[in-house]
Amino acid sequence: MESVKLSRLYDLIVDLKEVATLSEVANLLGAGVEPKAIMDCFYRALNEIGRLFQSKQYYMVALVLAGELMREALKLIMPRLTGRGQSRHREGLVIVATIEGDIHDLGKSLASFLLTTSGFEVVDLGVDVPPRIILTETMRLKPDAVGVSLLLTTCVPAVKRLSSLFEATYSDAPQRPLLFAGCGFNLPEQTAHSSPPQWLGVDAIVKDAYDTVLLCLERVASLKTSS
């Protein structure tokens, strides 16, 4: 029965039915459905919205509407997570941004939320952020990791520029922040076994928001071990 309800939620999200989606989220939470299951459903639906955008069945406005829908849903879900597995100590600092040329922030918003509930301090620089600004803020805030999101393959050169800036800036530094990317498109086949993924010039590529949290936790743990 729960799977049927989540299937209905999935369809409502993909169809961008804001009122019905939020009502369904409230009903599911009231019925005792785990917040993580609802978030998983959102993530699948947001991926589908991204696919529809790439195939030109949805326009950019759909991404904006989906982002607003995600933020409103998080207002309902967040209280259910307070005190339930939410870390009470600071794990580390992570900067996130959608790279220049892209206004997509669905995956970034979800990753930021999960990082926050896992104990990380998150600084969100927003969308369409130039590589130079990301570097400037990285140098100022000294985070443990920096994550960039991109939905469009046309934004790959901007990520590579950011990687080059990191290499030049931190070439002589004892420790540079971990630079990772979340892509809303299928990666070229040759990147599947790349470690690190040289195609984007970053240290790691995450496949979803949960993978982002695991990567950042591993990063902080390795820093503690080496210190």
Protein backbone atom coordinates (compact mmCIF):
# COMPACT_ATOMS: atom_id res chain seq x y z
CA MET A 1 0.00 0.00 0.00
CA GLU A 2 2.86 2.36 0.85
CA SER A 3 4.43 1.79 -2.55
CA VAL A 4 1.14 2.75 -4.22
CA LYS A 5 1.02 6.01 -2.23
CA LEU A 6 4.62 6.80 -3.09
CA SER A 7 3.87 6.06 -6.74
CA ARG A 8 1.08 8.64 -6.60
CA LEU A 9 3.46 11.14 -5.00
CA TYR A 10 6.01 10.48 -7.75
CA ASP A 11 3.45 11.24 -10.47
CA LEU A 12 2.31 14.43 -8.73
CA ILE A 13 5.88 15.71 -8.46
CA VAL A 14 6.71 14.95 -12.09
CA ASP A 15 3.47 16.67 -13.15
CA LEU A 16 4.47 19.68 -10.97
CA LYS A 17 1.15 19.65 -9.08
CA GLU A 18 2.25 21.82 -6.15
CA VAL A 19 -0.86 21.84 -3.93
CA ALA A 20 -1.60 18.14 -4.45
CA THR A 21 2.07 17.19 -3.91
CA LEU A 22 2.36 19.03 -0.61
CA SER A 23 -0.95 17.62 0.55
CA GLU A 24 0.23 14.11 -0.30
CA VAL A 25 3.52 14.63 1.56
CA ALA A 26 1.59 15.73 4.64
CA ASN A 27 -0.70 12.69 4.37
CA LEU A 28 2.22 10.29 4.00
CA LEU A 29 4.03 11.75 7.00
CA GLY A 30 0.81 11.58 9.02
CA ALA A 31 0.43 7.93 8.05
CA GLY A 32 3.88 7.15 9.42
CA VAL A 33 5.76 6.79 6.14
CA GLU A 34 9.49 7.28 6.75
CA PRO A 35 10.81 10.69 5.65
CA LYS A 36 13.70 8.96 3.85
CA ALA A 37 11.24 7.01 1.68
CA ILE A 38 9.53 10.27 0.73
CA MET A 39 12.85 11.91 -0.03
CA ASP A 40 13.88 8.94 -2.18
CA CYS A 41 10.63 9.40 -4.11
CA PHE A 42 11.39 13.09 -4.60
CA TYR A 43 14.88 12.32 -5.82
CA ARG A 44 13.59 9.85 -8.43
CA ALA A 45 10.97 12.35 -9.57
CA LEU A 46 13.47 15.20 -9.80
CA ASN A 47 15.74 13.02 -11.91
CA GLU A 48 12.81 12.35 -14.23
CA ILE A 49 12.08 16.09 -14.47
CA GLY A 50 15.72 16.61 -15.42
CA ARG A 51 15.43 13.91 -18.09
CA LEU A 52 12.28 15.52 -19.50
CA PHE A 53 14.13 18.84 -19.65
CA GLN A 54 17.07 17.31 -21.49
CA SER A 55 14.72 15.68 -24.01
CA LYS A 56 13.04 19.10 -24.50
CA GLN A 57 9.68 17.88 -23.17
CA TYR A 58 10.01 20.33 -20.26
CA TYR A 59 11.30 23.90 -20.36
CA MET A 60 13.55 25.75 -17.93
CA VAL A 61 10.53 27.03 -16.01
CA ALA A 62 9.80 23.43 -14.99
CA LEU A 63 13.18 23.24 -13.24
CA VAL A 64 12.42 26.44 -11.36
CA LEU A 65 8.97 25.19 -10.33
CA ALA A 66 10.40 21.83 -9.26
CA GLY A 67 13.01 23.58 -7.12
CA GLU A 68 10.32 25.64 -5.38
CA LEU A 69 8.25 22.50 -4.85
CA MET A 70 11.23 20.74 -3.28
CA ARG A 71 11.86 23.62 -0.90
CA GLU A 72 8.22 23.71 0.23
CA ALA A 73 8.19 19.95 0.76
CA LEU A 74 11.35 20.17 2.88
CA LYS A 75 9.51 22.52 5.24
CA LEU A 76 7.13 19.64 5.97
CA ILE A 77 9.78 16.93 6.11
CA MET A 78 12.43 18.76 8.15
CA PRO A 79 10.55 18.72 11.51
CA ARG A 80 10.16 14.93 11.25
CA LEU A 81 13.92 14.57 10.98
CA THR A 82 14.75 16.85 13.91
CA GLY A 83 16.12 14.68 16.67
CA ARG A 84 15.84 11.54 14.53
CA GLY A 85 19.31 10.67 13.43
CA GLN A 86 20.27 14.31 12.96
CA SER A 87 23.85 14.86 14.02
CA ARG A 88 24.26 17.15 17.01
CA HIS A 89 27.91 17.96 16.33
CA ARG A 90 29.57 19.77 13.49
CA GLU A 91 31.07 17.35 10.99
CA GLY A 92 32.70 19.92 8.75
CA LEU A 93 32.09 22.72 6.27
CA VAL A 94 30.94 22.17 2.68
CA ILE A 95 30.45 24.78 -0.05
CA VAL A 96 27.90 23.96 -2.76
CA ALA A 97 26.99 25.82 -5.94
CA THR A 98 25.44 25.31 -9.34
CA ILE A 99 28.12 26.11 -11.88
CA GLU A 100 28.01 29.09 -14.24
CA GLY A 101 25.59 28.66 -17.15
CA ASP A 102 23.09 26.54 -15.20
CA ILE A 103 20.21 27.59 -12.92
CA HIS A 104 19.29 24.05 -11.91
CA ASP A 105 19.31 23.62 -8.12
CA LEU A 106 17.16 20.56 -7.42
CA GLY A 107 19.95 18.13 -6.62
CA LYS A 108 21.95 20.84 -4.86
CA SER A 109 19.05 21.71 -2.57
CA LEU A 110 18.48 18.08 -1.63
CA ALA A 111 22.19 17.49 -1.03
CA SER A 112 22.39 20.64 1.11
CA PHE A 113 19.47 19.46 3.19
CA LEU A 114 20.91 16.00 3.79
CA LEU A 115 24.35 17.41 4.58
CA THR A 116 22.81 19.77 7.12
CA THR A 117 20.85 17.02 8.83
CA SER A 118 24.05 14.97 8.93
CA GLY A 119 25.82 17.66 10.93
CA PHE A 120 27.63 19.64 8.23
CA GLU A 121 27.66 23.39 7.96
CA VAL A 122 26.67 24.15 4.37
CA VAL A 123 27.29 27.38 2.49
CA ASP A 124 25.13 27.53 -0.65
CA LEU A 125 26.46 30.03 -3.19
CA GLY A 126 23.35 29.69 -5.36
CA VAL A 127 23.07 29.05 -9.09
CA ASP A 128 24.93 30.25 -12.20
CA VAL A 129 28.07 30.83 -10.10
CA PRO A 130 31.31 31.64 -11.98
CA PRO A 131 34.35 29.47 -11.17
CA ARG A 132 36.31 32.51 -9.94
CA ILE A 133 33.63 33.28 -7.32
CA ILE A 134 33.64 29.68 -6.11
CA LEU A 135 37.41 29.81 -5.74
CA THR A 136 37.28 33.16 -3.92
CA GLU A 137 34.74 31.86 -1.42
CA THR A 138 36.71 28.64 -1.00
CA MET A 139 39.85 30.57 -0.13
CA ARG A 140 37.89 32.76 2.30
CA LEU A 141 35.92 30.06 4.11
CA LYS A 142 38.44 27.17 3.95
CA PRO A 143 35.88 24.35 3.63
CA ASP A 144 36.58 20.64 3.81
CA ALA A 145 34.86 20.05 0.47
CA VAL A 146 33.39 21.97 -2.46
CA GLY A 147 30.58 20.52 -4.53
CA VAL A 148 29.33 21.83 -7.87
CA SER A 149 26.11 20.84 -9.58
CA LEU A 150 25.42 20.86 -13.31
CA LEU A 151 22.49 19.64 -15.34
CA LEU A 152 23.73 20.73 -18.75
CA THR A 153 26.66 19.26 -20.65
CA THR A 154 27.38 22.76 -21.95
CA CYS A 155 28.54 23.63 -18.43
CA VAL A 156 31.34 21.06 -18.43
CA PRO A 157 33.97 23.64 -19.59
CA ALA A 158 33.09 25.84 -16.58
CA VAL A 159 33.73 22.93 -14.20
CA LYS A 160 37.04 22.27 -15.91
CA ARG A 161 37.97 25.93 -15.47
CA LEU A 162 37.18 25.64 -11.78
CA SER A 163 39.37 22.54 -11.56
CA SER A 164 42.24 24.39 -13.25
CA LEU A 165 41.88 27.28 -10.79
CA PHE A 166 42.01 24.83 -7.89
CA GLU A 167 45.12 23.18 -9.30
CA ALA A 168 46.89 26.50 -9.74
CA THR A 169 45.84 27.88 -6.36
CA TYR A 170 46.53 24.81 -4.26
CA SER A 171 49.55 23.38 -6.12
CA ASP A 172 51.88 24.23 -3.23
CA ALA A 173 49.31 24.06 -0.43
CA PRO A 174 49.61 21.19 2.06
CA GLN A 175 45.93 20.37 1.74
CA ARG A 176 43.31 21.49 -0.75
CA PRO A 177 39.56 21.05 -0.31
CA LEU A 178 37.96 18.05 -1.94
CA LEU A 179 36.34 19.14 -5.22
CA PHE A 180 33.40 17.04 -6.38
CA ALA A 181 30.57 17.31 -8.89
CA GLY A 182 27.01 16.12 -9.22
CA CYS A 183 25.84 15.71 -12.81
CA GLY A 184 22.25 15.65 -14.02
CA PHE A 185 23.16 13.76 -17.19
CA ASN A 186 24.67 10.43 -18.15
CA LEU A 187 28.44 10.47 -17.98
CA PRO A 188 30.53 9.24 -20.90
CA GLU A 189 31.22 5.53 -20.70
CA GLN A 190 34.94 6.03 -20.21
CA THR A 191 34.40 7.85 -16.91
CA ALA A 192 32.74 4.89 -15.24
CA HIS A 193 36.06 3.44 -14.09
CA SER A 194 38.02 6.68 -13.78
CA SER A 195 39.46 7.37 -10.35
CA PRO A 196 39.66 10.28 -10.02
CA PRO A 197 37.20 11.14 -12.85
CA GLN A 198 39.52 12.99 -15.19
CA TRP A 199 36.74 13.81 -17.63
CA LEU A 200 35.56 16.69 -15.41
CA GLY A 201 38.87 17.32 -13.69
CA VAL A 202 37.35 16.89 -10.23
CA ASP A 203 38.31 14.60 -7.36
CA ALA A 204 35.02 12.72 -7.37
CA ILE A 205 31.64 12.52 -9.07
CA VAL A 206 28.61 11.79 -6.87
CA LYS A 207 25.60 9.99 -8.24
CA ASP A 208 22.99 11.42 -5.85
CA ALA A 209 22.44 13.39 -2.64
CA TYR A 210 23.08 10.41 -0.39
CA ASP A 211 26.33 9.69 -2.16
CA THR A 212 27.27 13.31 -1.47
CA VAL A 213 26.83 12.84 2.29
CA LEU A 214 28.87 9.61 2.28
CA LEU A 215 31.67 11.27 0.32
CA CYS A 216 31.83 14.24 2.70
CA LEU A 217 31.75 12.00 5.77
CA GLU A 218 34.64 9.98 4.34
CA ARG A 219 36.53 13.20 3.62
CA VAL A 220 36.16 14.48 7.20
CA ALA A 221 37.09 11.08 8.62
CA SER A 222 40.26 10.97 6.52
CA LEU A 223 41.23 14.48 7.65
CA LYS A 224 40.79 13.47 11.29
CA THR A 225 42.90 10.37 10.76
CA SER A 226 45.74 12.30 9.11
CA SER A 227 45.80 15.09 11.68
